């Protein structure tokens, strides 16, 4: 009888001894889950903040390029075109750099993604079989001017609209960028007798465009 009582007492003592450990593990799992959620929110906010700023910078760079190209096209006879061409080249380089920034994670984003990976690892270890949370990917917000389903020609839309359609789909299904330089519906600019000539359907003669 004493032996049985001793055995039951030992089992009860063992159960009471492991209960605090189980509660501690549960608290660790909860804390780890909260930390993952906190870092996920931080990452989502940072992605939104940076992408919005980068898109604004790209739009400004594209507008500057459009202005430089217009200045080159509309240059008066006898004007030195060298500086205007240099402005176009500089504006195009700035536009390309802005695109690169938009497609590349900043150092802050890289660090927060690393923090999230570490937090997920801690959560998985603390919670055992809890399915891991997939880290959010850098998915750009939907473009406000998606490319239309129907075919589009340069003659049917403005230069600004054509550029928006090209930016929305870099595969250029509408063939708006013949020379693949990232500029939609770009007209060839040539110099004839120190004049800038932009093809607009007329015929160049000695007396001007008919």
Protein backbone atom coordinates (compact mmCIF):
# COMPACT_ATOMS: atom_id res chain seq x y z
CA UNK A 1 0.00 0.00 0.00
CA UNK A 2 2.81 2.36 0.85
CA UNK A 3 4.53 1.50 -2.42
CA UNK A 4 1.44 2.40 -4.45
CA UNK A 5 0.99 5.69 -2.64
CA UNK A 6 4.62 6.57 -3.24
CA UNK A 7 4.28 5.86 -6.94
CA UNK A 8 1.18 8.03 -7.27
CA UNK A 9 2.88 10.81 -5.38
CA UNK A 10 5.89 10.66 -7.66
CA UNK A 11 3.70 10.93 -10.76
CA UNK A 12 1.82 13.92 -9.29
CA UNK A 13 5.05 15.65 -8.39
CA UNK A 14 6.41 15.11 -11.91
CA UNK A 15 3.23 16.56 -13.45
CA UNK A 16 3.35 19.63 -11.26
CA UNK A 17 7.01 20.08 -12.06
CA UNK A 18 6.52 20.09 -15.85
CA UNK A 19 3.46 22.37 -15.88
CA UNK A 20 5.43 25.64 -15.44
CA UNK A 21 7.76 24.56 -18.24
CA UNK A 22 4.81 24.02 -20.60
CA UNK A 23 3.41 27.44 -19.73
CA UNK A 24 6.81 29.00 -20.33
CA UNK A 25 7.04 27.39 -23.77
CA UNK A 26 3.58 28.68 -24.64
CA UNK A 27 4.51 32.20 -23.59
CA UNK A 28 7.70 32.03 -25.66
CA UNK A 29 5.69 30.94 -28.70
CA UNK A 30 3.21 33.79 -28.24
CA UNK A 31 5.98 36.36 -27.90
CA UNK A 32 7.74 34.99 -30.99
CA UNK A 33 4.52 35.15 -33.02
CA UNK A 34 3.96 38.75 -31.97
CA UNK A 35 7.50 39.66 -32.95
CA UNK A 36 7.00 38.16 -36.42
CA UNK A 37 3.77 40.14 -36.84
CA UNK A 38 5.51 43.33 -35.68
CA UNK A 39 8.38 42.95 -38.16
CA UNK A 40 5.96 42.07 -40.97
CA UNK A 41 4.05 45.32 -40.36
CA UNK A 42 7.30 47.25 -40.29
CA UNK A 43 8.40 45.72 -43.57
CA UNK A 44 5.06 46.38 -45.27
CA UNK A 45 5.13 50.02 -44.20
CA UNK A 46 8.70 50.50 -45.36
CA UNK A 47 7.99 48.91 -48.75
CA UNK A 48 5.02 51.24 -49.28
CA UNK A 49 6.97 54.31 -48.17
CA UNK A 50 10.00 53.66 -50.35
CA UNK A 51 8.14 52.50 -53.43
CA UNK A 52 5.89 55.55 -53.42
CA UNK A 53 8.92 57.85 -53.18
CA UNK A 54 10.76 55.93 -55.90
CA UNK A 55 7.80 56.05 -58.28
CA UNK A 56 7.48 59.78 -57.73
CA UNK A 57 11.19 60.20 -58.51
CA UNK A 58 10.81 58.12 -61.69
CA UNK A 59 7.84 60.19 -62.84
CA UNK A 60 9.80 63.41 -62.26
CA UNK A 61 12.80 62.04 -64.19
CA UNK A 62 10.57 60.98 -67.08
CA UNK A 63 8.94 64.43 -67.16
CA UNK A 64 12.40 66.05 -67.28
CA UNK A 65 13.37 63.77 -70.18
CA UNK A 66 10.18 64.66 -72.06
CA UNK A 67 10.92 68.37 -71.56
CA UNK A 68 14.50 67.99 -72.83
CA UNK A 69 13.33 66.05 -75.90
CA UNK A 70 10.69 68.68 -76.66
CA UNK A 71 13.32 71.41 -76.42
CA UNK A 72 15.51 69.53 -78.90
CA UNK A 73 12.65 68.96 -81.31
CA UNK A 74 11.51 72.58 -81.17
CA UNK A 75 14.93 74.24 -81.32
CA UNK A 76 15.02 77.36 -83.48
CA UNK A 77 17.07 77.43 -86.70
CA UNK A 78 20.73 78.14 -86.09
CA UNK A 79 20.67 77.11 -82.43
CA UNK A 80 23.60 74.97 -81.31
CA UNK A 81 22.06 71.54 -80.74
CA UNK A 82 25.00 70.15 -78.78
CA UNK A 83 23.87 71.39 -75.35
CA UNK A 84 20.29 70.29 -76.03
CA UNK A 85 21.43 66.78 -76.95
CA UNK A 86 23.56 66.70 -73.79
CA UNK A 87 20.49 67.63 -71.74
CA UNK A 88 18.53 64.81 -73.34
CA UNK A 89 21.31 62.31 -72.60
CA UNK A 90 21.60 63.49 -69.00
CA UNK A 91 17.84 63.33 -68.49
CA UNK A 92 17.70 59.83 -69.98
CA UNK A 93 20.48 58.65 -67.65
CA UNK A 94 18.59 60.10 -64.67
CA UNK A 95 15.40 58.35 -65.79
CA UNK A 96 17.24 55.02 -66.14
CA UNK A 97 18.83 55.45 -62.71
CA UNK A 98 15.40 56.10 -61.17
CA UNK A 99 14.09 52.90 -62.76
CA UNK A 100 17.01 50.95 -61.31
CA UNK A 101 16.32 52.32 -57.84
CA UNK A 102 12.66 51.31 -58.14
CA UNK A 103 13.65 47.74 -59.00
CA UNK A 104 16.26 47.37 -56.23
CA UNK A 105 15.77 47.01 -52.48
CA UNK A 106 17.35 49.71 -50.35
CA UNK A 107 19.74 48.84 -47.52
CA UNK A 108 16.94 49.46 -45.02
CA UNK A 109 14.67 46.98 -46.80
CA UNK A 110 17.43 44.36 -46.90
CA UNK A 111 17.99 44.76 -43.15
CA UNK A 112 14.30 44.50 -42.28
CA UNK A 113 13.91 41.41 -44.46
CA UNK A 114 16.82 39.86 -42.55
CA UNK A 115 15.12 40.77 -39.25
CA UNK A 116 11.94 39.06 -40.43
CA UNK A 117 13.80 35.91 -41.45
CA UNK A 118 15.43 35.77 -38.01
CA UNK A 119 12.11 36.37 -36.23
CA UNK A 120 10.45 33.57 -38.22
CA UNK A 121 13.26 31.19 -37.28
CA UNK A 122 12.81 32.02 -33.58
CA UNK A 123 9.04 31.63 -33.88
CA UNK A 124 9.34 28.24 -35.56
CA UNK A 125 11.70 27.01 -32.87
CA UNK A 126 9.50 28.28 -30.03
CA UNK A 127 6.21 27.10 -31.49
CA UNK A 128 7.28 23.72 -32.80
CA UNK A 129 5.06 22.63 -35.68
CA UNK A 130 3.58 26.09 -36.36
CA UNK A 131 3.66 26.66 -40.13
CA UNK A 132 6.15 29.36 -41.03
CA UNK A 133 4.88 32.72 -42.20
CA UNK A 134 5.98 33.62 -45.69
CA UNK A 135 7.84 36.88 -45.75
CA UNK A 136 5.99 39.49 -47.81
CA UNK A 137 7.52 40.08 -51.20
CA UNK A 138 8.17 43.44 -52.79
CA UNK A 139 5.11 43.66 -54.99
CA UNK A 140 4.68 47.07 -56.62
CA UNK A 141 1.26 48.65 -56.19
CA UNK A 142 -1.01 48.32 -59.23
CA UNK A 143 -0.16 50.87 -61.89
CA UNK A 144 -2.84 53.50 -62.24
CA UNK A 145 -2.55 53.46 -66.05
CA UNK A 146 -2.44 49.81 -67.20
CA UNK A 147 -1.88 49.02 -70.84
CA UNK A 148 -5.16 48.60 -72.70
CA UNK A 149 -6.08 45.26 -74.19
CA UNK A 150 -6.56 46.65 -77.71
CA UNK A 151 -3.61 47.49 -79.92
CA UNK A 152 -2.39 51.08 -79.60
CA UNK A 153 -0.54 53.12 -82.20
CA UNK A 154 1.51 56.24 -81.57
CA UNK A 155 -0.86 58.25 -83.74
CA UNK A 156 -3.81 57.31 -81.53
CA UNK A 157 -2.49 58.53 -78.15
CA UNK A 158 -0.45 61.41 -76.74
CA UNK A 159 3.25 60.99 -76.01
CA UNK A 160 2.56 61.04 -72.28
CA UNK A 161 -0.12 58.33 -72.57
CA UNK A 162 2.14 56.21 -74.79
CA UNK A 163 4.92 56.44 -72.20
CA UNK A 164 2.50 55.37 -69.44
CA UNK A 165 1.45 52.35 -71.50
CA UNK A 166 5.08 51.41 -72.15
CA UNK A 167 6.01 51.80 -68.46
CA UNK A 168 3.07 49.58 -67.50
CA UNK A 169 4.33 46.73 -69.71
CA UNK A 170 8.04 46.73 -70.56
CA UNK A 171 7.53 43.89 -73.06
CA UNK A 172 6.07 46.61 -75.34
CA UNK A 173 3.24 44.52 -76.92
CA UNK A 174 2.09 47.60 -78.86
CA UNK A 175 5.55 48.27 -80.34
CA UNK A 176 5.62 51.85 -79.05
CA UNK A 177 9.41 51.81 -78.51
CA UNK A 178 11.02 50.88 -81.83
CA UNK A 179 14.62 51.49 -80.74
CA UNK A 180 14.21 49.90 -77.29
CA UNK A 181 15.58 52.90 -75.41
CA UNK A 182 12.65 53.13 -72.98
CA UNK A 183 11.01 56.13 -74.67
CA UNK A 184 7.64 55.57 -76.30
CA UNK A 185 6.78 57.05 -79.70
CA UNK A 186 10.13 58.82 -79.96
CA UNK A 187 10.42 60.74 -83.22
CA UNK A 188 13.62 60.87 -85.20
CA UNK A 189 15.26 64.28 -84.99
CA UNK A 190 17.59 65.31 -87.79
CA UNK A 191 19.39 68.51 -88.71
CA UNK A 192 19.00 70.01 -92.18
CA UNK A 193 20.87 73.24 -92.89
CA UNK A 194 21.16 73.98 -89.15
CA UNK A 195 17.44 73.38 -88.65
CA UNK A 196 15.76 70.76 -86.48
CA UNK A 197 13.39 68.69 -88.61
CA UNK A 198 10.80 66.51 -86.92
CA UNK A 199 8.85 64.26 -89.30
CA UNK A 200 5.18 65.25 -89.09
CA UNK A 201 3.81 64.08 -92.40
CA UNK A 202 4.94 67.07 -94.49
CA UNK A 203 7.55 67.17 -97.22
CA UNK A 204 10.72 69.21 -96.72
CA UNK A 205 11.43 71.57 -99.61
CA UNK A 206 13.75 74.52 -100.11
CA UNK A 207 10.97 76.83 -99.02
CA UNK A 208 9.98 74.88 -95.87
CA UNK A 209 7.48 72.18 -95.08
CA UNK A 210 4.53 71.87 -97.42
